[in-house]
Amino acid sequence: MKYYICPHCGELATDKSRENDCSMGGVGLCMCKYMAFEWSKKYNNLEPWFPRVYPDYVEISRYWHTCLNNEKNAVCRLEMFYKIPDDKRMLEVKP
């Protein structure tokens, strides 16, 4: 099995969850940037904007997927992910 993380929002995924998403009509990519907000001068409020961007996931090892999955706060999880050196993202044992 392969494991992934979205480098923008910290959502974790597996190849099975991505396949399941595709089988249900999804794209198998993260939806975190599908909708954004911008300020509307007309309504003096935030308005949804749909740039329809689908960020791709970054592959990580099962070890890192388990470690990151234990962190429920997505902001902290993403910060943890960015502390892992690129050449260590596929390690299967404790570094």
PDB file of N, CA and C in Angstrom:
ATOM      1  N   MET A   1       0.843  -1.173   0.000  1.00  0.00           N
ATOM      2  CA  MET A   1       0.000   0.000   0.000  1.00  0.00           C
ATOM      3  C   MET A   1       0.891   1.240   0.000  1.00  0.00           C
ATOM      4  N   LYS A   2       0.432   2.284  -0.648  1.00  0.00           N
ATOM      5  CA  LYS A   2       1.153   3.555  -0.681  1.00  0.00           C
ATOM      6  C   LYS A   2       0.411   4.575   0.175  1.00  0.00           C
ATOM      7  N   TYR A   3       1.181   5.489   0.742  1.00  0.00           N
ATOM      8  CA  TYR A   3       0.646   6.497   1.659  1.00  0.00           C
ATOM      9  C   TYR A   3       1.006   7.888   1.159  1.00  0.00           C
ATOM     10  N   TYR A   4       0.102   8.837   1.392  1.00  0.00           N
ATOM     11  CA  TYR A   4       0.272  10.183   0.852  1.00  0.00           C
ATOM     12  C   TYR A   4      -0.167  11.244   1.854  1.00  0.00           C
ATOM     13  N   ILE A   5       0.318  12.472   1.604  1.00  0.00           N
ATOM     14  CA  ILE A   5      -0.129  13.650   2.347  1.00  0.00           C
ATOM     15  C   ILE A   5      -0.263  14.803   1.359  1.00  0.00           C
ATOM     16  N   CYS A   6      -1.270  15.640   1.570  1.00  0.00           N
ATOM     17  CA  CYS A   6      -1.396  16.850   0.757  1.00  0.00           C
ATOM     18  C   CYS A   6      -0.436  17.893   1.321  1.00  0.00           C
ATOM     19  N   PRO A   7       0.460  18.442   0.505  1.00  0.00           N
ATOM     20  CA  PRO A   7       1.425  19.414   1.008  1.00  0.00           C
ATOM     21  C   PRO A   7       0.826  20.786   1.298  1.00  0.00           C
ATOM     22  N   HIS A   8      -0.459  20.969   1.009  1.00  0.00           N
ATOM     23  CA  HIS A   8      -1.115  22.258   1.248  1.00  0.00           C
ATOM     24  C   HIS A   8      -1.977  22.265   2.507  1.00  0.00           C
ATOM     25  N   CYS A   9      -2.681  21.155   2.770  1.00  0.00           N
ATOM     26  CA  CYS A   9      -3.606  21.145   3.905  1.00  0.00           C
ATOM     27  C   CYS A   9      -3.293  20.067   4.941  1.00  0.00           C
ATOM     28  N   GLY A  10      -2.437  19.116   4.615  1.00  0.00           N
ATOM     29  CA  GLY A  10      -2.077  18.074   5.566  1.00  0.00           C
ATOM     30  C   GLY A  10      -3.007  16.874   5.566  1.00  0.00           C
ATOM     31  N   GLU A  11      -3.950  16.803   4.631  1.00  0.00           N
ATOM     32  CA  GLU A  11      -4.846  15.642   4.565  1.00  0.00           C
ATOM     33  C   GLU A  11      -4.034  14.405   4.202  1.00  0.00           C
ATOM     34  N   LEU A  12      -4.306  13.312   4.909  1.00  0.00           N
ATOM     35  CA  LEU A  12      -3.626  12.052   4.637  1.00  0.00           C
ATOM     36  C   LEU A  12      -4.497  11.174   3.753  1.00  0.00           C
ATOM     37  N   ALA A  13      -3.844  10.376   2.911  1.00  0.00           N
ATOM     38  CA  ALA A  13      -4.567   9.481   2.011  1.00  0.00           C
ATOM     39  C   ALA A  13      -3.730   8.232   1.774  1.00  0.00           C
ATOM     40  N   THR A  14      -4.378   7.224   1.229  1.00  0.00           N
ATOM     41  CA  THR A  14      -3.690   6.010   0.797  1.00  0.00           C
ATOM     42  C   THR A  14      -4.060   5.764  -0.657  1.00  0.00           C
ATOM     43  N   ASP A  15      -3.352   4.831  -1.296  1.00  0.00           N
ATOM     44  CA  ASP A  15      -3.715   4.527  -2.674  1.00  0.00           C
ATOM     45  C   ASP A  15      -5.131   3.961  -2.747  1.00  0.00           C
ATOM     46  N   LYS A  16      -5.542   3.226  -1.706  1.00  0.00           N
ATOM     47  CA  LYS A  16      -6.903   2.676  -1.679  1.00  0.00           C
ATOM     48  C   LYS A  16      -7.951   3.777  -1.564  1.00  0.00           C
ATOM     49  N   SER A  17      -7.705   4.791  -0.717  1.00  0.00           N
ATOM     50  CA  SER A  17      -8.677   5.883  -0.579  1.00  0.00           C
ATOM     51  C   SER A  17      -8.745   6.708  -1.860  1.00  0.00           C
ATOM     52  N   ARG A  18      -7.609   6.849  -2.540  1.00  0.00           N
ATOM     53  CA  ARG A  18      -7.608   7.587  -3.804  1.00  0.00           C
ATOM     54  C   ARG A  18      -8.352   6.810  -4.882  1.00  0.00           C
ATOM     55  N   GLU A  19      -8.150   5.489  -4.921  1.00  0.00           N
ATOM     56  CA  GLU A  19      -8.879   4.655  -5.885  1.00  0.00           C
ATOM     57  C   GLU A  19     -10.375   4.706  -5.608  1.00  0.00           C
ATOM     58  N   ASN A  20     -10.754   4.652  -4.345  1.00  0.00           N
ATOM     59  CA  ASN A  20     -12.157   4.724  -3.961  1.00  0.00           C
ATOM     60  C   ASN A  20     -12.761   6.059  -4.394  1.00  0.00           C
ATOM     61  N   ASP A  21     -12.020   7.146  -4.204  1.00  0.00           N
ATOM     62  CA  ASP A  21     -12.482   8.464  -4.623  1.00  0.00           C
ATOM     63  C   ASP A  21     -12.736   8.485  -6.131  1.00  0.00           C
ATOM     64  N   CYS A  22     -11.804   7.925  -6.893  1.00  0.00           N
ATOM     65  CA  CYS A  22     -11.959   7.894  -8.353  1.00  0.00           C
ATOM     66  C   CYS A  22     -13.157   7.037  -8.771  1.00  0.00           C
ATOM     67  N   SER A  23     -13.364   5.921  -8.078  1.00  0.00           N
ATOM     68  CA  SER A  23     -14.476   5.047  -8.433  1.00  0.00           C
ATOM     69  C   SER A  23     -15.832   5.695  -8.133  1.00  0.00           C
ATOM     70  N   MET A  24     -15.830   6.698  -7.245  1.00  0.00           N
ATOM     71  CA  MET A  24     -17.065   7.403  -6.912  1.00  0.00           C
ATOM     72  C   MET A  24     -17.216   8.691  -7.726  1.00  0.00           C
ATOM     73  N   GLY A  25     -16.373   8.866  -8.740  1.00  0.00           N
ATOM     74  CA  GLY A  25     -16.475  10.041  -9.603  1.00  0.00           C
ATOM     75  C   GLY A  25     -15.525  11.169  -9.251  1.00  0.00           C
ATOM     76  N   GLY A  26     -14.690  10.980  -8.229  1.00  0.00           N
ATOM     77  CA  GLY A  26     -13.711  11.993  -7.843  1.00  0.00           C
ATOM     78  C   GLY A  26     -12.488  11.956  -8.750  1.00  0.00           C
ATOM     79  N   VAL A  27     -11.510  12.768  -8.416  1.00  0.00           N
ATOM     80  CA  VAL A  27     -10.299  12.846  -9.236  1.00  0.00           C
ATOM     81  C   VAL A  27      -9.081  12.211  -8.569  1.00  0.00           C
ATOM     82  N   GLY A  28      -9.228  11.749  -7.326  1.00  0.00           N
ATOM     83  CA  GLY A  28      -8.114  11.120  -6.632  1.00  0.00           C
ATOM     84  C   GLY A  28      -7.046  12.094  -6.182  1.00  0.00           C
ATOM     85  N   LEU A  29      -7.381  13.365  -6.200  1.00  0.00           N
ATOM     86  CA  LEU A  29      -6.471  14.415  -5.769  1.00  0.00           C
ATOM     87  C   LEU A  29      -7.137  15.181  -4.634  1.00  0.00           C
ATOM     88  N   CYS A  30      -6.371  15.974  -3.899  1.00  0.00           N
ATOM     89  CA  CYS A  30      -6.927  16.720  -2.775  1.00  0.00           C
ATOM     90  C   CYS A  30      -7.827  17.856  -3.273  1.00  0.00           C
ATOM     91  N   MET A  31      -8.879  18.108  -2.543  1.00  0.00           N
ATOM     92  CA  MET A  31      -9.842  19.152  -2.914  1.00  0.00           C
ATOM     93  C   MET A  31      -9.645  20.443  -2.118  1.00  0.00           C
ATOM     94  N   CYS A  32      -8.560  20.553  -1.346  1.00  0.00           N
ATOM     95  CA  CYS A  32      -8.406  21.683  -0.431  1.00  0.00           C
ATOM     96  C   CYS A  32      -8.340  23.033  -1.141  1.00  0.00           C
ATOM     97  N   LYS A  33      -7.935  23.066  -2.395  1.00  0.00           N
ATOM     98  CA  LYS A  33      -7.835  24.336  -3.122  1.00  0.00           C
ATOM     99  C   LYS A  33      -8.925  24.483  -4.174  1.00  0.00           C
ATOM    100  N   TYR A  34      -9.916  23.581  -4.146  1.00  0.00           N
ATOM    101  CA  TYR A  34     -11.003  23.628  -5.119  1.00  0.00           C
ATOM    102  C   TYR A  34     -11.818  24.910  -4.979  1.00  0.00           C
ATOM    103  N   MET A  35     -12.037  25.329  -3.727  1.00  0.00           N
ATOM    104  CA  MET A  35     -12.765  26.555  -3.458  1.00  0.00           C
ATOM    105  C   MET A  35     -11.939  27.442  -2.539  1.00  0.00           C
ATOM    106  N   ALA A  36     -11.944  28.729  -2.811  1.00  0.00           N
ATOM    107  CA  ALA A  36     -11.250  29.699  -1.974  1.00  0.00           C
ATOM    108  C   ALA A  36     -12.225  30.854  -1.708  1.00  0.00           C
ATOM    109  N   PHE A  37     -11.794  31.799  -0.923  1.00  0.00           N
ATOM    110  CA  PHE A  37     -12.623  32.973  -0.652  1.00  0.00           C
ATOM    111  C   PHE A  37     -11.897  34.226  -1.105  1.00  0.00           C
ATOM    112  N   GLU A  38     -12.667  35.181  -1.547  1.00  0.00           N
ATOM    113  CA  GLU A  38     -12.116  36.499  -1.865  1.00  0.00           C
ATOM    114  C   GLU A  38     -13.071  37.553  -1.325  1.00  0.00           C
ATOM    115  N   TRP A  39     -12.546  38.738  -1.133  1.00  0.00           N
ATOM    116  CA  TRP A  39     -13.352  39.820  -0.590  1.00  0.00           C
ATOM    117  C   TRP A  39     -14.206  40.443  -1.689  1.00  0.00           C
ATOM    118  N   SER A  40     -15.504  40.584  -1.430  1.00  0.00           N
ATOM    119  CA  SER A  40     -16.433  41.198  -2.363  1.00  0.00           C
ATOM    120  C   SER A  40     -16.723  42.626  -1.907  1.00  0.00           C
ATOM    121  N   LYS A  41     -16.298  43.597  -2.699  1.00  0.00           N
ATOM    122  CA  LYS A  41     -16.609  44.996  -2.380  1.00  0.00           C
ATOM    123  C   LYS A  41     -18.115  45.246  -2.521  1.00  0.00           C
ATOM    124  N   LYS A  42     -18.724  44.554  -3.460  1.00  0.00           N
ATOM    125  CA  LYS A  42     -20.153  44.721  -3.703  1.00  0.00           C
ATOM    126  C   LYS A  42     -20.973  44.333  -2.472  1.00  0.00           C
ATOM    127  N   TYR A  43     -20.631  43.205  -1.860  1.00  0.00           N
ATOM    128  CA  TYR A  43     -21.390  42.715  -0.706  1.00  0.00           C
ATOM    129  C   TYR A  43     -20.705  43.018   0.627  1.00  0.00           C
ATOM    130  N   ASN A  44     -19.504  43.600   0.562  1.00  0.00           N
ATOM    131  CA  ASN A  44     -18.724  43.907   1.760  1.00  0.00           C
ATOM    132  C   ASN A  44     -18.610  42.669   2.666  1.00  0.00           C
ATOM    133  N   ASN A  45     -18.249  41.565   2.017  1.00  0.00           N
ATOM    134  CA  ASN A  45     -18.176  40.290   2.716  1.00  0.00           C
ATOM    135  C   ASN A  45     -17.309  39.327   1.919  1.00  0.00           C
ATOM    136  N   LEU A  46     -16.997  38.190   2.526  1.00  0.00           N
ATOM    137  CA  LEU A  46     -16.278  37.136   1.815  1.00  0.00           C
ATOM    138  C   LEU A  46     -17.224  36.410   0.876  1.00  0.00           C
ATOM    139  N   GLU A  47     -16.737  36.085  -0.293  1.00  0.00           N
ATOM    140  CA  GLU A  47     -17.515  35.355  -1.286  1.00  0.00           C
ATOM    141  C   GLU A  47     -16.699  34.159  -1.762  1.00  0.00           C
ATOM    142  N   PRO A  48     -17.348  33.021  -1.998  1.00  0.00           N
ATOM    143  CA  PRO A  48     -16.613  31.860  -2.504  1.00  0.00           C
ATOM    144  C   PRO A  48     -16.147  32.081  -3.937  1.00  0.00           C
ATOM    145  N   TRP A  49     -14.995  31.537  -4.220  1.00  0.00           N
ATOM    146  CA  TRP A  49     -14.397  31.598  -5.555  1.00  0.00           C
ATOM    147  C   TRP A  49     -13.947  30.184  -5.876  1.00  0.00           C
ATOM    148  N   PHE A  50     -14.187  29.709  -7.057  1.00  0.00           N
ATOM    149  CA  PHE A  50     -13.898  28.329  -7.431  1.00  0.00           C
ATOM    150  C   PHE A  50     -12.804  28.250  -8.496  1.00  0.00           C
ATOM    151  N   PRO A  51     -11.526  28.306  -8.068  1.00  0.00           N
ATOM    152  CA  PRO A  51     -10.441  28.181  -9.055  1.00  0.00           C
ATOM    153  C   PRO A  51     -10.285  26.746  -9.551  1.00  0.00           C
ATOM    154  N   ARG A  52     -10.874  25.780  -8.843  1.00  0.00           N
ATOM    155  CA  ARG A  52     -10.862  24.363  -9.213  1.00  0.00           C
ATOM    156  C   ARG A  52      -9.440  23.811  -9.398  1.00  0.00           C
ATOM    157  N   VAL A  53      -8.625  24.048  -8.389  1.00  0.00           N
ATOM    158  CA  VAL A  53      -7.263  23.525  -8.376  1.00  0.00           C
ATOM    159  C   VAL A  53      -7.262  22.250  -7.555  1.00  0.00           C
ATOM    160  N   TYR A  54      -6.636  21.211  -8.086  1.00  0.00           N
ATOM    161  CA  TYR A  54      -6.535  19.930  -7.389  1.00  0.00           C
ATOM    162  C   TYR A  54      -5.059  19.635  -7.106  1.00  0.00           C
ATOM    163  N   PRO A  55      -4.580  19.939  -5.890  1.00  0.00           N
ATOM    164  CA  PRO A  55      -3.181  19.632  -5.580  1.00  0.00           C
ATOM    165  C   PRO A  55      -2.946  18.122  -5.532  1.00  0.00           C
ATOM    166  N   ASP A  56      -1.799  17.702  -6.010  1.00  0.00           N
ATOM    167  CA  ASP A  56      -1.438  16.295  -5.933  1.00  0.00           C
ATOM    168  C   ASP A  56      -0.839  16.007  -4.568  1.00  0.00           C
ATOM    169  N   TYR A  57      -0.972  14.784  -4.140  1.00  0.00           N
ATOM    170  CA  TYR A  57      -0.416  14.348  -2.871  1.00  0.00           C
ATOM    171  C   TYR A  57       1.076  14.057  -3.027  1.00  0.00           C
ATOM    172  N   VAL A  58       1.796  14.056  -1.904  1.00  0.00           N
ATOM    173  CA  VAL A  58       3.203  13.675  -1.850  1.00  0.00           C
ATOM    174  C   VAL A  58       3.255  12.307  -1.187  1.00  0.00           C
ATOM    175  N   GLU A  59       3.985  11.383  -1.786  1.00  0.00           N
ATOM    176  CA  GLU A  59       4.087  10.043  -1.203  1.00  0.00           C
ATOM    177  C   GLU A  59       5.001  10.064   0.013  1.00  0.00           C
ATOM    178  N   ILE A  60       4.571   9.368   1.059  1.00  0.00           N
ATOM    179  CA  ILE A  60       5.353   9.223   2.285  1.00  0.00           C
ATOM    180  C   ILE A  60       5.324   7.751   2.693  1.00  0.00           C
ATOM    181  N   SER A  61       6.185   7.376   3.624  1.00  0.00           N
ATOM    182  CA  SER A  61       6.221   5.985   4.077  1.00  0.00           C
ATOM    183  C   SER A  61       5.078   5.699   5.047  1.00  0.00           C
ATOM    184  N   ARG A  62       4.842   4.422   5.275  1.00  0.00           N
ATOM    185  CA  ARG A  62       3.827   4.007   6.239  1.00  0.00           C
ATOM    186  C   ARG A  62       4.174   4.530   7.637  1.00  0.00           C
ATOM    187  N   TYR A  63       5.475   4.521   7.951  1.00  0.00           N
ATOM    188  CA  TYR A  63       5.924   5.025   9.247  1.00  0.00           C
ATOM    189  C   TYR A  63       5.495   6.480   9.445  1.00  0.00           C
ATOM    190  N   TRP A  64       5.789   7.334   8.464  1.00  0.00           N
ATOM    191  CA  TRP A  64       5.428   8.751   8.597  1.00  0.00           C
ATOM    192  C   TRP A  64       3.924   8.947   8.546  1.00  0.00           C
ATOM    193  N   HIS A  65       3.232   8.145   7.752  1.00  0.00           N
ATOM    194  CA  HIS A  65       1.773   8.238   7.693  1.00  0.00           C
ATOM    195  C   HIS A  65       1.183   7.962   9.077  1.00  0.00           C
ATOM    196  N   THR A  66       1.684   6.944   9.754  1.00  0.00           N
ATOM    197  CA  THR A  66       1.210   6.608  11.101  1.00  0.00           C
ATOM    198  C   THR A  66       1.522   7.729  12.083  1.00  0.00           C
ATOM    199  N   CYS A  67       2.744   8.242  12.033  1.00  0.00           N
ATOM    200  CA  CYS A  67       3.134   9.337  12.939  1.00  0.00           C
ATOM    201  C   CYS A  67       2.262  10.570  12.714  1.00  0.00           C
ATOM    202  N   LEU A  68       2.092  10.949  11.461  1.00  0.00           N
ATOM    203  CA  LEU A  68       1.320  12.152  11.143  1.00  0.00           C
ATOM    204  C   LEU A  68      -0.167  11.945  11.411  1.00  0.00           C
ATOM    205  N   ASN A  69      -0.634  10.725  11.243  1.00  0.00           N
ATOM    206  CA  ASN A  69      -2.044  10.436  11.496  1.00  0.00           C
ATOM    207  C   ASN A  69      -2.390  10.569  12.983  1.00  0.00           C
ATOM    208  N   ASN A  70      -1.405  10.400  13.836  1.00  0.00           N
ATOM    209  CA  ASN A  70      -1.630  10.555  15.278  1.00  0.00           C
ATOM    210  C   ASN A  70      -1.836  12.012  15.675  1.00  0.00           C
ATOM    211  N   GLU A  71      -1.417  12.942  14.840  1.00  0.00           N
ATOM    212  CA  GLU A  71      -1.627  14.371  15.097  1.00  0.00           C
ATOM    213  C   GLU A  71      -2.946  14.779  14.451  1.00  0.00           C
ATOM    214  N   LYS A  72      -3.929  15.116  15.264  1.00  0.00           N
ATOM    215  CA  LYS A  72      -5.268  15.449  14.745  1.00  0.00           C
ATOM    216  C   LYS A  72      -5.383  16.892  14.262  1.00  0.00           C
ATOM    217  N   ASN A  73      -4.489  17.766  14.698  1.00  0.00           N
ATOM    218  CA  ASN A  73      -4.505  19.163  14.266  1.00  0.00           C
ATOM    219  C   ASN A  73      -3.790  19.261  12.921  1.00  0.00           C
ATOM    220  N   ALA A  74      -4.524  19.648  11.865  1.00  0.00           N
ATOM    221  CA  ALA A  74      -3.959  19.676  10.518  1.00  0.00           C
ATOM    222  C   ALA A  74      -2.813  20.681  10.379  1.00  0.00           C
ATOM    223  N   VAL A  75      -2.886  21.792  11.096  1.00  0.00           N
ATOM    224  CA  VAL A  75      -1.815  22.797  11.028  1.00  0.00           C
ATOM    225  C   VAL A  75      -0.528  22.214  11.612  1.00  0.00           C
ATOM    226  N   CYS A  76      -0.645  21.560  12.761  1.00  0.00           N
ATOM    227  CA  CYS A  76       0.525  20.930  13.384  1.00  0.00           C
ATOM    228  C   CYS A  76       1.046  19.788  12.514  1.00  0.00           C
ATOM    229  N   ARG A  77       0.132  18.991  11.937  1.00  0.00           N
ATOM    230  CA  ARG A  77       0.529  17.884  11.078  1.00  0.00           C
ATOM    231  C   ARG A  77       1.332  18.391   9.883  1.00  0.00           C
ATOM    232  N   LEU A  78       0.876  19.465   9.283  1.00  0.00           N
ATOM    233  CA  LEU A  78       1.582  20.024   8.134  1.00  0.00           C
ATOM    234  C   LEU A  78       2.947  20.572   8.534  1.00  0.00           C
ATOM    235  N   GLU A  79       3.013  21.206   9.691  1.00  0.00           N
ATOM    236  CA  GLU A  79       4.291  21.704  10.194  1.00  0.00           C
ATOM    237  C   GLU A  79       5.249  20.539  10.437  1.00  0.00           C
ATOM    238  N   MET A  80       4.741  19.455  11.013  1.00  0.00           N
ATOM    239  CA  MET A  80       5.562  18.262  11.225  1.00  0.00           C
ATOM    240  C   MET A  80       6.070  17.710   9.896  1.00  0.00           C
ATOM    241  N   PHE A  81       5.170  17.624   8.913  1.00  0.00           N
ATOM    242  CA  PHE A  81       5.543  17.094   7.595  1.00  0.00           C
ATOM    243  C   PHE A  81       6.690  17.897   6.987  1.00  0.00           C
ATOM    244  N   TYR A  82       6.622  19.217   7.075  1.00  0.00           N
ATOM    245  CA  TYR A  82       7.657  20.050   6.467  1.00  0.00           C
ATOM    246  C   TYR A  82       8.983  20.007   7.220  1.00  0.00           C
ATOM    247  N   LYS A  83       8.992  19.453   8.423  1.00  0.00           N
ATOM    248  CA  LYS A  83      10.250  19.270   9.162  1.00  0.00           C
ATOM    249  C   LYS A  83      10.984  18.006   8.710  1.00  0.00           C
ATOM    250  N   ILE A  84      10.288  17.089   8.035  1.00  0.00           N
ATOM    251  CA  ILE A  84      10.914  15.853   7.561  1.00  0.00           C
ATOM    252  C   ILE A  84      11.726  16.174   6.302  1.00  0.00           C
ATOM    253  N   PRO A  85      13.029  15.910   6.294  1.00  0.00           N
ATOM    254  CA  PRO A  85      13.821  16.152   5.084  1.00  0.00           C
ATOM    255  C   PRO A  85      13.302  15.306   3.916  1.00  0.00           C
ATOM    256  N   ASP A  86      13.381  15.849   2.708  1.00  0.00           N
ATOM    257  CA  ASP A  86      12.877  15.161   1.517  1.00  0.00           C
ATOM    258  C   ASP A  86      13.428  13.744   1.397  1.00  0.00           C
ATOM    259  N   ASP A  87      14.698  13.573   1.705  1.00  0.00           N
ATOM    260  CA  ASP A  87      15.318  12.254   1.539  1.00  0.00           C
ATOM    261  C   ASP A  87      14.935  11.274   2.645  1.00  0.00           C
ATOM    262  N   LYS A  88      14.165  11.704   3.633  1.00  0.00           N
ATOM    263  CA  LYS A  88      13.734  10.838   4.737  1.00  0.00           C
ATOM    264  C   LYS A  88      12.236  10.509   4.666  1.00  0.00           C
ATOM    265  N   ARG A  89      11.511  11.021   3.687  1.00  0.00           N
ATOM    266  CA  ARG A  89      10.062  10.839   3.615  1.00  0.00           C
ATOM    267  C   ARG A  89       9.631   9.404   3.333  1.00  0.00           C
ATOM    268  N   MET A  90      10.541   8.582   2.819  1.00  0.00           N
ATOM    269  CA  MET A  90      10.180   7.212   2.503  1.00  0.00           C
ATOM    270  C   MET A  90      10.770   6.208   3.494  1.00  0.00           C
ATOM    271  N   LEU A  91      11.330   6.679   4.610  1.00  0.00           N
ATOM    272  CA  LEU A  91      11.868   5.777   5.625  1.00  0.00           C
ATOM    273  C   LEU A  91      10.763   4.932   6.235  1.00  0.00           C
ATOM    274  N   GLU A  92      11.038   3.660   6.442  1.00  0.00           N
ATOM    275  CA  GLU A  92      10.055   2.749   7.019  1.00  0.00           C
ATOM    276  C   GLU A  92      10.313   2.452   8.496  1.00  0.00           C
ATOM    277  N   VAL A  93      11.411   2.954   9.017  1.00  0.00           N
ATOM    278  CA  VAL A  93      11.739   2.732  10.429  1.00  0.00           C
ATOM    279  C   VAL A  93      12.008   4.076  11.086  1.00  0.00           C
ATOM    280  N   LYS A  94      11.976   4.071  12.400  1.00  0.00           N
ATOM    281  CA  LYS A  94      12.245   5.311  13.135  1.00  0.00           C
ATOM    282  C   LYS A  94      13.629   5.829  12.768  1.00  0.00           C
ATOM    283  N   PRO A  95      13.733   7.103  12.346  1.00  0.00           N
ATOM    284  CA  PRO A  95      15.037   7.643  11.938  1.00  0.00           C
ATOM    285  C   PRO A  95      16.002   7.759  13.101  1.00  0.00           C
TER     286      PRO A  95
END
